[in-house]
Amino acid sequence: MTVHSVKIDGSGRMVLPAPVRRALGIEGPDELLVEVEAGQVRLASRRAALEAALEQVRKYLPADVDLADELIADRRAEARRE
């Protein structure tokens, strides 16, 4: 793990060093998710947060289950009942 030092200006803004932006896949204007826990700040790209959430969901789903297909099948079955 590489540690970078950044300065925070009077408005609370900071500049992320280029290696950090590259590691997060940030190439231009973007948004980051900020989490504060136990006095530490964690930054994550939305893509990384989504991948982490999907990884958690996959733990509880069989590999052959496609939630989109199941939702479509449920909606079609509901439409047939109406």
Protein backbone atom coordinates (compact mmCIF):
# COMPACT_ATOMS: atom_id res chain seq x y z
CA MET A 1 0.00 0.00 0.00
CA THR A 2 1.32 3.41 -0.97
CA VAL A 3 0.49 6.40 1.21
CA HIS A 4 0.14 9.86 -0.33
CA SER A 5 0.08 13.16 1.54
CA VAL A 6 -2.45 15.75 0.33
CA LYS A 7 -3.15 19.27 1.50
CA ILE A 8 -6.63 20.55 2.27
CA ASP A 9 -7.29 24.21 1.48
CA GLY A 10 -9.40 26.64 3.50
CA SER A 11 -12.55 25.54 1.65
CA GLY A 12 -11.99 21.90 2.54
CA ARG A 13 -10.91 20.94 -0.99
CA MET A 14 -8.05 18.61 -1.73
CA VAL A 15 -6.35 17.45 -4.90
CA LEU A 16 -5.96 13.72 -5.35
CA PRO A 17 -2.50 12.85 -6.68
CA ALA A 18 -2.41 11.43 -10.22
CA PRO A 19 -1.44 7.90 -9.07
CA VAL A 20 -4.51 7.82 -6.80
CA ARG A 21 -6.80 9.00 -9.60
CA ARG A 22 -5.36 6.37 -11.94
CA ALA A 23 -5.83 3.65 -9.32
CA LEU A 24 -9.49 4.68 -8.93
CA GLY A 25 -10.02 4.92 -12.70
CA ILE A 26 -10.75 8.65 -12.55
CA GLU A 27 -9.93 10.37 -15.83
CA GLY A 28 -11.90 13.58 -15.53
CA PRO A 29 -14.65 15.12 -13.44
CA ASP A 30 -16.16 12.37 -11.33
CA GLU A 31 -17.72 11.63 -7.96
CA LEU A 32 -16.37 9.55 -5.13
CA LEU A 33 -18.14 7.94 -2.22
CA VAL A 34 -16.72 9.08 1.11
CA GLU A 35 -17.00 6.97 4.25
CA VAL A 36 -15.81 8.08 7.67
CA GLU A 37 -15.25 5.41 10.29
CA ALA A 38 -13.18 5.43 13.46
CA GLY A 39 -11.43 8.66 12.50
CA GLN A 40 -10.45 7.42 9.05
CA VAL A 41 -11.71 8.50 5.63
CA ARG A 42 -12.23 5.95 2.89
CA LEU A 43 -12.72 7.05 -0.72
CA ALA A 44 -14.24 4.75 -3.32
CA SER A 45 -15.30 5.18 -6.91
CA ARG A 46 -18.94 4.41 -7.63
CA ARG A 47 -17.78 1.54 -9.84
CA ALA A 48 -15.75 0.01 -6.99
CA ALA A 49 -18.66 0.41 -4.57
CA LEU A 50 -21.03 -1.26 -7.04
CA GLU A 51 -18.61 -4.15 -7.59
CA ALA A 52 -18.27 -4.63 -3.82
CA ALA A 53 -22.06 -4.67 -3.43
CA LEU A 54 -22.44 -7.19 -6.27
CA GLU A 55 -19.79 -9.38 -4.68
CA GLN A 56 -21.80 -9.42 -1.44
CA VAL A 57 -25.03 -10.31 -3.29
CA ARG A 58 -23.33 -13.10 -5.25
CA LYS A 59 -22.48 -14.84 -1.98
CA TYR A 60 -26.18 -15.56 -1.48
CA LEU A 61 -27.19 -16.46 -5.03
CA PRO A 62 -26.54 -19.70 -6.88
CA ALA A 63 -24.27 -19.15 -9.89
CA ASP A 64 -27.02 -20.14 -12.34
CA VAL A 65 -29.55 -17.55 -11.07
CA ASP A 66 -30.09 -14.40 -13.14
CA LEU A 67 -32.12 -11.90 -11.13
CA ALA A 68 -33.11 -9.93 -14.24
CA ASP A 69 -34.53 -13.06 -15.87
CA GLU A 70 -36.38 -13.94 -12.68
CA LEU A 71 -37.87 -10.45 -12.44
CA ILE A 72 -39.04 -10.57 -16.06
CA ALA A 73 -40.58 -14.02 -15.51
CA ASP A 74 -42.37 -12.77 -12.39
CA ARG A 75 -43.74 -9.73 -14.24
CA ARG A 76 -44.96 -11.87 -17.13
CA ALA A 77 -46.65 -14.30 -14.75
CA GLU A 78 -48.30 -11.38 -12.98
CA ALA A 79 -49.52 -9.94 -16.30
CA ARG A 80 -51.05 -13.32 -17.25
CA ARG A 81 -52.95 -13.41 -13.94
CA GLU A 82 -54.50 -9.98 -14.57
